[in-house]
């Protein structure tokens, strides 16, 4: 298995001789990584909503269903 240092060296050597298409692809990967670092995958409001629903479940305000119950309801809705 190649070490990180070996991989970096290989990539640097490849970039030095890469054509424009490859450079654009690599640049796109870098852009995507930078955007991913700046934006959370799951927004905070979603966690708030989950916590809200959890509280309703704990206090008995809402009912939960087993996976089997969900499948049965879905099947009967299709009939």
N, C-alpha and C. Protein backbone atom coordinates (compact mmCIF):
# COMPACT_ATOMS: atom_id res chain seq x y z
N UNK A 1 0.84 -1.17 0.00
CA UNK A 1 0.00 0.00 0.00
C UNK A 1 0.89 1.24 0.00
N UNK A 2 0.51 2.20 -0.82
CA UNK A 2 1.30 3.42 -0.93
C UNK A 2 1.08 4.33 0.28
N UNK A 3 2.14 4.99 0.71
CA UNK A 3 2.01 5.94 1.82
C UNK A 3 1.41 7.24 1.28
N UNK A 4 0.94 8.05 2.19
CA UNK A 4 0.38 9.35 1.82
C UNK A 4 1.41 10.18 1.07
N UNK A 5 2.64 10.13 1.52
CA UNK A 5 3.71 10.89 0.86
C UNK A 5 3.90 10.42 -0.58
N UNK A 6 3.87 9.11 -0.79
CA UNK A 6 4.03 8.57 -2.15
C UNK A 6 2.85 8.97 -3.04
N UNK A 7 1.67 8.96 -2.47
CA UNK A 7 0.48 9.35 -3.24
C UNK A 7 0.56 10.81 -3.62
N UNK A 8 0.95 11.67 -2.67
CA UNK A 8 1.08 13.11 -2.96
C UNK A 8 2.10 13.34 -4.08
N UNK A 9 3.23 12.66 -3.99
CA UNK A 9 4.28 12.82 -5.00
C UNK A 9 3.76 12.40 -6.37
N UNK A 10 3.07 11.28 -6.41
CA UNK A 10 2.54 10.77 -7.68
C UNK A 10 1.53 11.75 -8.27
N UNK A 11 0.66 12.30 -7.43
CA UNK A 11 -0.35 13.25 -7.90
C UNK A 11 0.32 14.53 -8.41
N UNK A 12 1.31 15.03 -7.68
CA UNK A 12 2.03 16.23 -8.12
C UNK A 12 2.68 16.00 -9.49
N UNK A 13 3.31 14.88 -9.66
CA UNK A 13 3.95 14.57 -10.95
C UNK A 13 2.90 14.48 -12.06
N UNK A 14 1.76 13.88 -11.75
CA UNK A 14 0.70 13.73 -12.75
C UNK A 14 0.14 15.09 -13.15
N UNK A 15 -0.09 15.97 -12.16
CA UNK A 15 -0.65 17.29 -12.44
C UNK A 15 0.28 18.10 -13.33
N UNK A 16 1.57 17.96 -13.13
CA UNK A 16 2.54 18.70 -13.94
C UNK A 16 2.42 18.38 -15.43
N UNK A 17 1.95 17.19 -15.77
CA UNK A 17 1.86 16.82 -17.19
C UNK A 17 0.40 16.66 -17.67
N UNK A 18 -0.57 16.91 -16.79
CA UNK A 18 -1.98 16.70 -17.12
C UNK A 18 -2.48 17.70 -18.15
N UNK A 19 -3.43 17.24 -18.98
CA UNK A 19 -4.03 18.15 -19.95
C UNK A 19 -5.14 18.96 -19.27
N UNK A 20 -5.73 19.88 -20.02
CA UNK A 20 -6.73 20.80 -19.47
C UNK A 20 -7.95 20.05 -18.90
N UNK A 21 -8.39 19.01 -19.57
CA UNK A 21 -9.56 18.25 -19.12
C UNK A 21 -9.33 17.69 -17.71
N UNK A 22 -8.18 17.08 -17.50
CA UNK A 22 -7.85 16.51 -16.19
C UNK A 22 -7.75 17.61 -15.13
N UNK A 23 -7.13 18.72 -15.50
CA UNK A 23 -7.00 19.83 -14.54
C UNK A 23 -8.37 20.37 -14.14
N UNK A 24 -9.29 20.45 -15.09
CA UNK A 24 -10.65 20.91 -14.78
C UNK A 24 -11.38 19.92 -13.86
N UNK A 25 -11.17 18.64 -14.10
CA UNK A 25 -11.78 17.62 -13.24
C UNK A 25 -11.24 17.74 -11.82
N UNK A 26 -9.95 17.86 -11.68
CA UNK A 26 -9.33 17.99 -10.36
C UNK A 26 -9.80 19.28 -9.68
N UNK A 27 -9.90 20.35 -10.44
CA UNK A 27 -10.39 21.61 -9.90
C UNK A 27 -11.84 21.46 -9.41
N UNK A 28 -12.66 20.73 -10.14
CA UNK A 28 -14.03 20.47 -9.72
C UNK A 28 -14.08 19.69 -8.41
N UNK A 29 -13.19 18.73 -8.27
CA UNK A 29 -13.12 17.95 -7.03
C UNK A 29 -12.76 18.88 -5.85
N UNK A 30 -11.80 19.76 -6.08
CA UNK A 30 -11.38 20.70 -5.04
C UNK A 30 -12.55 21.61 -4.66
N UNK A 31 -13.26 22.14 -5.67
CA UNK A 31 -14.42 23.00 -5.41
C UNK A 31 -15.47 22.27 -4.58
N UNK A 32 -15.76 21.04 -4.96
CA UNK A 32 -16.76 20.26 -4.24
C UNK A 32 -16.34 20.03 -2.79
N UNK A 33 -15.07 19.74 -2.57
CA UNK A 33 -14.56 19.53 -1.21
C UNK A 33 -14.67 20.79 -0.38
N UNK A 34 -14.34 21.94 -0.99
CA UNK A 34 -14.41 23.20 -0.26
C UNK A 34 -15.86 23.54 0.09
N UNK A 35 -16.78 23.29 -0.81
CA UNK A 35 -18.19 23.56 -0.54
C UNK A 35 -18.70 22.63 0.55
N UNK A 36 -18.29 21.38 0.51
CA UNK A 36 -18.72 20.40 1.50
C UNK A 36 -18.27 20.82 2.90
N UNK A 37 -17.08 21.41 2.99
CA UNK A 37 -16.56 21.86 4.28
C UNK A 37 -17.35 23.05 4.81
N UNK A 38 -17.91 23.87 3.91
CA UNK A 38 -18.61 25.08 4.31
C UNK A 38 -20.08 24.85 4.64
N UNK A 39 -20.66 23.77 4.17
CA UNK A 39 -22.08 23.52 4.38
C UNK A 39 -22.28 22.20 5.10
N UNK A 40 -23.05 22.24 6.18
CA UNK A 40 -23.33 20.98 6.87
C UNK A 40 -24.20 20.09 5.99
N UNK A 41 -24.02 18.80 6.11
CA UNK A 41 -24.81 17.86 5.33
C UNK A 41 -26.27 17.90 5.75
N UNK A 42 -26.50 17.98 7.05
CA UNK A 42 -27.86 18.05 7.57
C UNK A 42 -28.03 19.40 8.26
N UNK A 43 -29.01 20.19 7.82
CA UNK A 43 -29.18 21.51 8.44
C UNK A 43 -29.70 21.41 9.88
N UNK A 44 -29.39 22.42 10.68
CA UNK A 44 -29.78 22.43 12.09
C UNK A 44 -31.28 22.34 12.28
N UNK A 45 -32.06 22.97 11.39
CA UNK A 45 -33.52 22.95 11.54
C UNK A 45 -34.05 21.51 11.49
N UNK A 46 -33.35 20.65 10.76
CA UNK A 46 -33.80 19.27 10.66
C UNK A 46 -33.65 18.56 12.02
N UNK A 47 -32.54 18.81 12.68
CA UNK A 47 -32.34 18.24 14.01
C UNK A 47 -33.38 18.79 14.99
N UNK A 48 -33.70 20.07 14.86
CA UNK A 48 -34.72 20.67 15.72
C UNK A 48 -36.07 19.97 15.52
N UNK A 49 -36.41 19.72 14.27
CA UNK A 49 -37.67 19.04 13.95
C UNK A 49 -37.68 17.62 14.52
N UNK A 50 -36.57 16.91 14.39
CA UNK A 50 -36.48 15.56 14.95
C UNK A 50 -36.65 15.57 16.47
N UNK A 51 -36.02 16.53 17.12
CA UNK A 51 -36.15 16.64 18.58
C UNK A 51 -37.59 16.94 18.98
N UNK A 52 -38.24 17.79 18.19
CA UNK A 52 -39.64 18.12 18.43
C UNK A 52 -40.52 16.86 18.33
N UNK A 53 -40.31 16.09 17.28
CA UNK A 53 -41.08 14.86 17.09
C UNK A 53 -40.79 13.84 18.18
N UNK A 54 -39.52 13.76 18.59
CA UNK A 54 -39.13 12.84 19.66
C UNK A 54 -39.86 13.19 20.95
N UNK A 55 -39.90 14.48 21.28
CA UNK A 55 -40.59 14.93 22.50
C UNK A 55 -42.07 14.56 22.44
N UNK A 56 -42.69 14.73 21.28
CA UNK A 56 -44.10 14.37 21.13
C UNK A 56 -44.30 12.87 21.34
N UNK A 57 -43.36 12.08 20.86
CA UNK A 57 -43.44 10.63 21.04
C UNK A 57 -43.29 10.27 22.52
N UNK A 58 -42.31 10.87 23.18
CA UNK A 58 -42.04 10.58 24.59
C UNK A 58 -43.24 10.95 25.47
N UNK A 59 -43.87 12.09 25.16
CA UNK A 59 -45.01 12.54 25.97
C UNK A 59 -46.32 11.87 25.57
N UNK A 60 -46.29 11.07 24.52
CA UNK A 60 -47.49 10.35 24.09
C UNK A 60 -48.39 11.14 23.16
N UNK A 61 -47.92 12.30 22.70
CA UNK A 61 -48.71 13.13 21.78
C UNK A 61 -48.79 12.52 20.38
N UNK A 62 -47.82 11.71 20.04
CA UNK A 62 -47.83 11.08 18.72
C UNK A 62 -47.56 9.59 18.87
N UNK A 63 -48.03 8.84 17.89
CA UNK A 63 -47.88 7.38 17.92
C UNK A 63 -46.76 6.99 16.98
N UNK A 64 -46.09 5.93 17.31
CA UNK A 64 -45.08 5.39 16.39
C UNK A 64 -45.56 4.03 15.92
N UNK A 65 -44.97 3.55 14.85
CA UNK A 65 -45.36 2.29 14.26
C UNK A 65 -44.14 1.41 14.05
N UNK A 66 -44.37 0.12 14.10
CA UNK A 66 -43.29 -0.81 13.78
C UNK A 66 -43.11 -0.82 12.27
N UNK A 67 -41.99 -1.33 11.82
CA UNK A 67 -41.74 -1.42 10.39
C UNK A 67 -42.80 -2.30 9.71
N UNK A 68 -43.20 -3.35 10.39
CA UNK A 68 -44.24 -4.24 9.85
C UNK A 68 -45.56 -3.49 9.67
N UNK A 69 -45.93 -2.67 10.66
CA UNK A 69 -47.16 -1.89 10.56
C UNK A 69 -47.09 -0.90 9.39
N UNK A 70 -45.96 -0.28 9.22
CA UNK A 70 -45.78 0.67 8.11
C UNK A 70 -45.94 -0.05 6.78
N UNK A 71 -45.31 -1.21 6.64
CA UNK A 71 -45.42 -1.96 5.39
C UNK A 71 -46.86 -2.36 5.12
N UNK A 72 -47.57 -2.82 6.14
CA UNK A 72 -48.97 -3.22 5.97
C UNK A 72 -49.83 -2.04 5.55
N UNK A 73 -49.63 -0.88 6.18
CA UNK A 73 -50.39 0.31 5.81
C UNK A 73 -50.12 0.72 4.37
N UNK A 74 -48.86 0.64 3.96
CA UNK A 74 -48.49 1.00 2.60
C UNK A 74 -49.12 0.03 1.60
N UNK A 75 -49.08 -1.25 1.92
CA UNK A 75 -49.67 -2.26 1.03
C UNK A 75 -51.17 -2.07 0.89
N UNK A 76 -51.83 -1.80 2.02
CA UNK A 76 -53.29 -1.64 1.96
C UNK A 76 -53.68 -0.35 1.24
N UNK A 77 -52.84 0.65 1.28
CA UNK A 77 -53.12 1.91 0.57
C UNK A 77 -53.02 1.72 -0.94
N UNK A 78 -52.24 0.74 -1.38
CA UNK A 78 -52.07 0.48 -2.81
C UNK A 78 -53.22 -0.34 -3.39
N UNK A 79 -53.99 -0.96 -2.53
CA UNK A 79 -55.09 -1.83 -3.01
C UNK A 79 -56.29 -1.04 -3.43
